[in-house]
Amino acid sequence: MKSMPRNEMADLLRATFRKSGLSVKRLAIESGVAYASVHGFMAGDRDAALSTACRLCRVLGLELRPIRRRKKA
């Protein structure tokens, strides 16, 4: 079985969720994301689509924004 690459955004979302004191059910309700999707993502069994991650971030007080990378010379 292949190991999945480390995903910093997912790690940050999960860590913030654990600190939030919210239940998976409450996060699902407040974000409008299906319970099964939130549960699977928080358990590390599935990835979240960007739109789902945005919804979770809003509830958890995080902001997704693009970063500008320098072009290689």
PDB file of N, CA and C in Angstrom:
ATOM      1  N   MET A   1       0.841  -1.183   0.000  1.00  0.00           N
ATOM      2  CA  MET A   1       0.000   0.000   0.000  1.00  0.00           C
ATOM      3  C   MET A   1       0.882   1.242   0.000  1.00  0.00           C
ATOM      4  N   LYS A   2       0.536   2.222  -0.839  1.00  0.00           N
ATOM      5  CA  LYS A   2       1.307   3.449  -0.926  1.00  0.00           C
ATOM      6  C   LYS A   2       1.046   4.331   0.284  1.00  0.00           C
ATOM      7  N   SER A   3       2.090   4.999   0.754  1.00  0.00           N
ATOM      8  CA  SER A   3       1.863   5.963   1.830  1.00  0.00           C
ATOM      9  C   SER A   3       1.459   7.286   1.196  1.00  0.00           C
ATOM     10  N   MET A   4       0.548   7.978   1.843  1.00  0.00           N
ATOM     11  CA  MET A   4       0.062   9.240   1.317  1.00  0.00           C
ATOM     12  C   MET A   4       1.050  10.347   1.663  1.00  0.00           C
ATOM     13  N   PRO A   5       1.225  11.309   0.762  1.00  0.00           N
ATOM     14  CA  PRO A   5       2.115  12.422   1.072  1.00  0.00           C
ATOM     15  C   PRO A   5       1.540  13.260   2.205  1.00  0.00           C
ATOM     16  N   ARG A   6       2.401  13.887   2.934  1.00  0.00           N
ATOM     17  CA  ARG A   6       1.972  14.717   4.047  1.00  0.00           C
ATOM     18  C   ARG A   6       1.209  15.920   3.512  1.00  0.00           C
ATOM     19  N   ASN A   7       0.099  16.210   4.088  1.00  0.00           N
ATOM     20  CA  ASN A   7      -0.746  17.312   3.655  1.00  0.00           C
ATOM     21  C   ASN A   7      -0.846  18.306   4.800  1.00  0.00           C
ATOM     22  N   GLU A   8      -0.120  19.407   4.706  1.00  0.00           N
ATOM     23  CA  GLU A   8      -0.071  20.379   5.792  1.00  0.00           C
ATOM     24  C   GLU A   8      -1.424  21.015   6.071  1.00  0.00           C
ATOM     25  N   MET A   9      -2.205  21.275   5.026  1.00  0.00           N
ATOM     26  CA  MET A   9      -3.520  21.875   5.236  1.00  0.00           C
ATOM     27  C   MET A   9      -4.409  20.925   6.040  1.00  0.00           C
ATOM     28  N   ALA A  10      -4.413  19.664   5.679  1.00  0.00           N
ATOM     29  CA  ALA A  10      -5.228  18.687   6.399  1.00  0.00           C
ATOM     30  C   ALA A  10      -4.758  18.557   7.843  1.00  0.00           C
ATOM     31  N   ASP A  11      -3.445  18.537   8.043  1.00  0.00           N
ATOM     32  CA  ASP A  11      -2.905  18.449   9.407  1.00  0.00           C
ATOM     33  C   ASP A  11      -3.357  19.642  10.248  1.00  0.00           C
ATOM     34  N   LEU A  12      -3.300  20.838   9.661  1.00  0.00           N
ATOM     35  CA  LEU A  12      -3.708  22.042  10.383  1.00  0.00           C
ATOM     36  C   LEU A  12      -5.200  22.020  10.696  1.00  0.00           C
ATOM     37  N   LEU A  13      -6.005  21.602   9.736  1.00  0.00           N
ATOM     38  CA  LEU A  13      -7.451  21.509   9.971  1.00  0.00           C
ATOM     39  C   LEU A  13      -7.758  20.533  11.105  1.00  0.00           C
ATOM     40  N   ARG A  14      -7.121  19.380  11.078  1.00  0.00           N
ATOM     41  CA  ARG A  14      -7.372  18.378  12.120  1.00  0.00           C
ATOM     42  C   ARG A  14      -6.919  18.869  13.495  1.00  0.00           C
ATOM     43  N   ALA A  15      -5.755  19.505  13.552  1.00  0.00           N
ATOM     44  CA  ALA A  15      -5.243  20.017  14.835  1.00  0.00           C
ATOM     45  C   ALA A  15      -6.152  21.111  15.386  1.00  0.00           C
ATOM     46  N   THR A  16      -6.603  22.006  14.508  1.00  0.00           N
ATOM     47  CA  THR A  16      -7.499  23.077  14.939  1.00  0.00           C
ATOM     48  C   THR A  16      -8.831  22.503  15.400  1.00  0.00           C
ATOM     49  N   PHE A  17      -9.321  21.499  14.706  1.00  0.00           N
ATOM     50  CA  PHE A  17     -10.564  20.841  15.112  1.00  0.00           C
ATOM     51  C   PHE A  17     -10.428  20.234  16.510  1.00  0.00           C
ATOM     52  N   ARG A  18      -9.325  19.526  16.751  1.00  0.00           N
ATOM     53  CA  ARG A  18      -9.127  18.901  18.071  1.00  0.00           C
ATOM     54  C   ARG A  18      -9.112  19.939  19.187  1.00  0.00           C
ATOM     55  N   LYS A  19      -8.529  21.104  18.921  1.00  0.00           N
ATOM     56  CA  LYS A  19      -8.446  22.177  19.925  1.00  0.00           C
ATOM     57  C   LYS A  19      -9.764  22.928  20.092  1.00  0.00           C
ATOM     58  N   SER A  20     -10.632  22.835  19.098  1.00  0.00           N
ATOM     59  CA  SER A  20     -11.861  23.633  19.094  1.00  0.00           C
ATOM     60  C   SER A  20     -12.893  23.191  20.129  1.00  0.00           C
ATOM     61  N   GLY A  21     -12.863  21.937  20.495  1.00  0.00           N
ATOM     62  CA  GLY A  21     -13.874  21.426  21.415  1.00  0.00           C
ATOM     63  C   GLY A  21     -15.184  21.072  20.732  1.00  0.00           C
ATOM     64  N   LEU A  22     -15.260  21.246  19.429  1.00  0.00           N
ATOM     65  CA  LEU A  22     -16.465  20.884  18.687  1.00  0.00           C
ATOM     66  C   LEU A  22     -16.506  19.376  18.471  1.00  0.00           C
ATOM     67  N   SER A  23     -17.703  18.856  18.354  1.00  0.00           N
ATOM     68  CA  SER A  23     -17.854  17.458  17.960  1.00  0.00           C
ATOM     69  C   SER A  23     -17.890  17.408  16.437  1.00  0.00           C
ATOM     70  N   VAL A  24     -17.679  16.229  15.894  1.00  0.00           N
ATOM     71  CA  VAL A  24     -17.766  16.057  14.441  1.00  0.00           C
ATOM     72  C   VAL A  24     -19.174  16.431  13.984  1.00  0.00           C
ATOM     73  N   LYS A  25     -20.159  16.049  14.745  1.00  0.00           N
ATOM     74  CA  LYS A  25     -21.549  16.346  14.385  1.00  0.00           C
ATOM     75  C   LYS A  25     -21.788  17.858  14.341  1.00  0.00           C
ATOM     76  N   ARG A  26     -21.300  18.583  15.343  1.00  0.00           N
ATOM     77  CA  ARG A  26     -21.493  20.035  15.386  1.00  0.00           C
ATOM     78  C   ARG A  26     -20.753  20.704  14.217  1.00  0.00           C
ATOM     79  N   LEU A  27     -19.533  20.255  13.934  1.00  0.00           N
ATOM     80  CA  LEU A  27     -18.776  20.810  12.811  1.00  0.00           C
ATOM     81  C   LEU A  27     -19.513  20.559  11.497  1.00  0.00           C
ATOM     82  N   ALA A  28     -20.075  19.379  11.350  1.00  0.00           N
ATOM     83  CA  ALA A  28     -20.835  19.057  10.138  1.00  0.00           C
ATOM     84  C   ALA A  28     -22.050  19.968  10.002  1.00  0.00           C
ATOM     85  N   ILE A  29     -22.772  20.155  11.079  1.00  0.00           N
ATOM     86  CA  ILE A  29     -23.977  20.991  11.039  1.00  0.00           C
ATOM     87  C   ILE A  29     -23.619  22.438  10.722  1.00  0.00           C
ATOM     88  N   GLU A  30     -22.630  22.976  11.430  1.00  0.00           N
ATOM     89  CA  GLU A  30     -22.273  24.385  11.253  1.00  0.00           C
ATOM     90  C   GLU A  30     -21.643  24.672   9.890  1.00  0.00           C
ATOM     91  N   SER A  31     -20.961  23.690   9.321  1.00  0.00           N
ATOM     92  CA  SER A  31     -20.310  23.898   8.026  1.00  0.00           C
ATOM     93  C   SER A  31     -21.209  23.540   6.853  1.00  0.00           C
ATOM     94  N   GLY A  32     -22.241  22.744   7.112  1.00  0.00           N
ATOM     95  CA  GLY A  32     -23.106  22.302   6.023  1.00  0.00           C
ATOM     96  C   GLY A  32     -22.509  21.160   5.222  1.00  0.00           C
ATOM     97  N   VAL A  33     -21.511  20.502   5.792  1.00  0.00           N
ATOM     98  CA  VAL A  33     -20.859  19.364   5.144  1.00  0.00           C
ATOM     99  C   VAL A  33     -21.429  18.089   5.756  1.00  0.00           C
ATOM    100  N   ALA A  34     -21.650  17.074   4.950  1.00  0.00           N
ATOM    101  CA  ALA A  34     -22.219  15.824   5.440  1.00  0.00           C
ATOM    102  C   ALA A  34     -21.368  15.234   6.568  1.00  0.00           C
ATOM    103  N   TYR A  35     -22.043  14.699   7.576  1.00  0.00           N
ATOM    104  CA  TYR A  35     -21.362  14.108   8.725  1.00  0.00           C
ATOM    105  C   TYR A  35     -20.340  13.059   8.289  1.00  0.00           C
ATOM    106  N   ALA A  36     -20.727  12.185   7.370  1.00  0.00           N
ATOM    107  CA  ALA A  36     -19.827  11.114   6.925  1.00  0.00           C
ATOM    108  C   ALA A  36     -18.560  11.682   6.298  1.00  0.00           C
ATOM    109  N   SER A  37     -18.692  12.776   5.574  1.00  0.00           N
ATOM    110  CA  SER A  37     -17.520  13.403   4.954  1.00  0.00           C
ATOM    111  C   SER A  37     -16.598  14.005   6.004  1.00  0.00           C
ATOM    112  N   VAL A  38     -17.178  14.724   6.957  1.00  0.00           N
ATOM    113  CA  VAL A  38     -16.372  15.330   8.021  1.00  0.00           C
ATOM    114  C   VAL A  38     -15.705  14.236   8.855  1.00  0.00           C
ATOM    115  N   HIS A  39     -16.459  13.226   9.216  1.00  0.00           N
ATOM    116  CA  HIS A  39     -15.911  12.138  10.023  1.00  0.00           C
ATOM    117  C   HIS A  39     -14.761  11.441   9.299  1.00  0.00           C
ATOM    118  N   GLY A  40     -14.955  11.122   8.031  1.00  0.00           N
ATOM    119  CA  GLY A  40     -13.918  10.457   7.251  1.00  0.00           C
ATOM    120  C   GLY A  40     -12.662  11.305   7.125  1.00  0.00           C
ATOM    121  N   PHE A  41     -12.834  12.606   6.929  1.00  0.00           N
ATOM    122  CA  PHE A  41     -11.693  13.506   6.810  1.00  0.00           C
ATOM    123  C   PHE A  41     -10.955  13.617   8.145  1.00  0.00           C
ATOM    124  N   MET A  42     -11.685  13.826   9.220  1.00  0.00           N
ATOM    125  CA  MET A  42     -11.049  13.977  10.535  1.00  0.00           C
ATOM    126  C   MET A  42     -10.379  12.685  10.988  1.00  0.00           C
ATOM    127  N   ALA A  43     -10.898  11.554  10.550  1.00  0.00           N
ATOM    128  CA  ALA A  43     -10.284  10.265  10.892  1.00  0.00           C
ATOM    129  C   ALA A  43      -9.069   9.973  10.010  1.00  0.00           C
ATOM    130  N   GLY A  44      -8.876  10.775   8.967  1.00  0.00           N
ATOM    131  CA  GLY A  44      -7.752  10.563   8.061  1.00  0.00           C
ATOM    132  C   GLY A  44      -8.010   9.514   7.006  1.00  0.00           C
ATOM    133  N   ASP A  45      -9.264   9.104   6.868  1.00  0.00           N
ATOM    134  CA  ASP A  45      -9.619   8.073   5.900  1.00  0.00           C
ATOM    135  C   ASP A  45      -9.913   8.622   4.509  1.00  0.00           C
ATOM    136  N   ARG A  46     -10.120   9.937   4.415  1.00  0.00           N
ATOM    137  CA  ARG A  46     -10.431  10.519   3.109  1.00  0.00           C
ATOM    138  C   ARG A  46      -9.885  11.933   3.043  1.00  0.00           C
ATOM    139  N   ASP A  47      -9.713  12.416   1.831  1.00  0.00           N
ATOM    140  CA  ASP A  47      -9.277  13.786   1.600  1.00  0.00           C
ATOM    141  C   ASP A  47     -10.514  14.669   1.468  1.00  0.00           C
ATOM    142  N   ALA A  48     -10.326  15.948   1.703  1.00  0.00           N
ATOM    143  CA  ALA A  48     -11.425  16.895   1.550  1.00  0.00           C
ATOM    144  C   ALA A  48     -11.209  17.698   0.274  1.00  0.00           C
ATOM    145  N   ALA A  49     -12.272  17.913  -0.458  1.00  0.00           N
ATOM    146  CA  ALA A  49     -12.214  18.801  -1.622  1.00  0.00           C
ATOM    147  C   ALA A  49     -11.924  20.211  -1.121  1.00  0.00           C
ATOM    148  N   LEU A  50     -11.381  21.043  -1.976  1.00  0.00           N
ATOM    149  CA  LEU A  50     -11.055  22.406  -1.580  1.00  0.00           C
ATOM    150  C   LEU A  50     -12.290  23.145  -1.083  1.00  0.00           C
ATOM    151  N   SER A  51     -13.416  22.961  -1.733  1.00  0.00           N
ATOM    152  CA  SER A  51     -14.644  23.642  -1.299  1.00  0.00           C
ATOM    153  C   SER A  51     -15.057  23.176   0.095  1.00  0.00           C
ATOM    154  N   THR A  52     -14.869  21.907   0.393  1.00  0.00           N
ATOM    155  CA  THR A  52     -15.180  21.376   1.721  1.00  0.00           C
ATOM    156  C   THR A  52     -14.213  21.939   2.748  1.00  0.00           C
ATOM    157  N   ALA A  53     -12.936  21.970   2.404  1.00  0.00           N
ATOM    158  CA  ALA A  53     -11.931  22.526   3.311  1.00  0.00           C
ATOM    159  C   ALA A  53     -12.236  23.984   3.633  1.00  0.00           C
ATOM    160  N   CYS A  54     -12.693  24.745   2.638  1.00  0.00           N
ATOM    161  CA  CYS A  54     -13.063  26.151   2.869  1.00  0.00           C
ATOM    162  C   CYS A  54     -14.203  26.265   3.879  1.00  0.00           C
ATOM    163  N   ARG A  55     -15.185  25.409   3.757  1.00  0.00           N
ATOM    164  CA  ARG A  55     -16.331  25.435   4.671  1.00  0.00           C
ATOM    165  C   ARG A  55     -15.900  25.080   6.093  1.00  0.00           C
ATOM    166  N   LEU A  56     -15.035  24.080   6.210  1.00  0.00           N
ATOM    167  CA  LEU A  56     -14.538  23.696   7.530  1.00  0.00           C
ATOM    168  C   LEU A  56     -13.683  24.805   8.130  1.00  0.00           C
ATOM    169  N   CYS A  57     -12.859  25.419   7.311  1.00  0.00           N
ATOM    170  CA  CYS A  57     -12.008  26.515   7.781  1.00  0.00           C
ATOM    171  C   CYS A  57     -12.840  27.664   8.344  1.00  0.00           C
ATOM    172  N   ARG A  58     -13.905  28.018   7.643  1.00  0.00           N
ATOM    173  CA  ARG A  58     -14.757  29.116   8.115  1.00  0.00           C
ATOM    174  C   ARG A  58     -15.268  28.852   9.518  1.00  0.00           C
ATOM    175  N   VAL A  59     -15.731  27.646   9.769  1.00  0.00           N
ATOM    176  CA  VAL A  59     -16.272  27.303  11.086  1.00  0.00           C
ATOM    177  C   VAL A  59     -15.159  27.282  12.143  1.00  0.00           C
ATOM    178  N   LEU A  60     -13.975  26.845  11.745  1.00  0.00           N
ATOM    179  CA  LEU A  60     -12.861  26.717  12.683  1.00  0.00           C
ATOM    180  C   LEU A  60     -12.054  28.007  12.839  1.00  0.00           C
ATOM    181  N   GLY A  61     -12.457  29.057  12.140  1.00  0.00           N
ATOM    182  CA  GLY A  61     -11.770  30.342  12.268  1.00  0.00           C
ATOM    183  C   GLY A  61     -10.463  30.418  11.513  1.00  0.00           C
ATOM    184  N   LEU A  62     -10.309  29.608  10.491  1.00  0.00           N
ATOM    185  CA  LEU A  62      -9.111  29.632   9.656  1.00  0.00           C
ATOM    186  C   LEU A  62      -9.438  30.283   8.327  1.00  0.00           C
ATOM    187  N   GLU A  63      -8.414  30.734   7.629  1.00  0.00           N
ATOM    188  CA  GLU A  63      -8.601  31.361   6.328  1.00  0.00           C
ATOM    189  C   GLU A  63      -7.688  30.701   5.307  1.00  0.00           C
ATOM    190  N   LEU A  64      -8.263  30.283   4.212  1.00  0.00           N
ATOM    191  CA  LEU A  64      -7.469  29.750   3.101  1.00  0.00           C
ATOM    192  C   LEU A  64      -7.197  30.888   2.139  1.00  0.00           C
ATOM    193  N   ARG A  65      -5.954  31.057   1.778  1.00  0.00           N
ATOM    194  CA  ARG A  65      -5.630  32.087   0.794  1.00  0.00           C
ATOM    195  C   ARG A  65      -4.421  31.638  -0.005  1.00  0.00           C
ATOM    196  N   PRO A  66      -4.321  32.117  -1.234  1.00  0.00           N
ATOM    197  CA  PRO A  66      -3.187  31.701  -2.068  1.00  0.00           C
ATOM    198  C   PRO A  66      -1.899  32.355  -1.587  1.00  0.00           C
ATOM    199  N   ILE A  67      -0.811  31.694  -1.834  1.00  0.00           N
ATOM    200  CA  ILE A  67       0.488  32.290  -1.558  1.00  0.00           C
ATOM    201  C   ILE A  67       1.185  32.526  -2.880  1.00  0.00           C
ATOM    202  N   ARG A  68       1.939  33.570  -2.927  1.00  0.00           N
ATOM    203  CA  ARG A  68       2.681  33.884  -4.148  1.00  0.00           C
ATOM    204  C   ARG A  68       4.063  33.257  -4.025  1.00  0.00           C
ATOM    205  N   ARG A  69       4.404  32.497  -5.011  1.00  0.00           N
ATOM    206  CA  ARG A  69       5.723  31.874  -5.031  1.00  0.00           C
ATOM    207  C   ARG A  69       6.596  32.597  -6.034  1.00  0.00           C
ATOM    208  N   ARG A  70       7.841  32.731  -5.697  1.00  0.00           N
ATOM    209  CA  ARG A  70       8.782  33.368  -6.614  1.00  0.00           C
ATOM    210  C   ARG A  70       9.088  32.430  -7.767  1.00  0.00           C
ATOM    211  N   LYS A  71       9.181  33.003  -8.934  1.00  0.00           N
ATOM    212  CA  LYS A  71       9.530  32.198 -10.103  1.00  0.00           C
ATOM    213  C   LYS A  71      11.018  31.902 -10.044  1.00  0.00           C
ATOM    214  N   LYS A  72      11.368  30.696 -10.440  1.00  0.00           N
ATOM    215  CA  LYS A  72      12.783  30.322 -10.492  1.00  0.00           C
ATOM    216  C   LYS A  72      13.455  31.060 -11.639  1.00  0.00           C
ATOM    217  N   ALA A  73      14.635  31.501 -11.384  1.00  0.00           N
ATOM    218  CA  ALA A  73      15.382  32.256 -12.404  1.00  0.00           C
ATOM    219  C   ALA A  73      15.914  31.374 -13.496  1.00  0.00           C
TER     220      ALA A  73
END
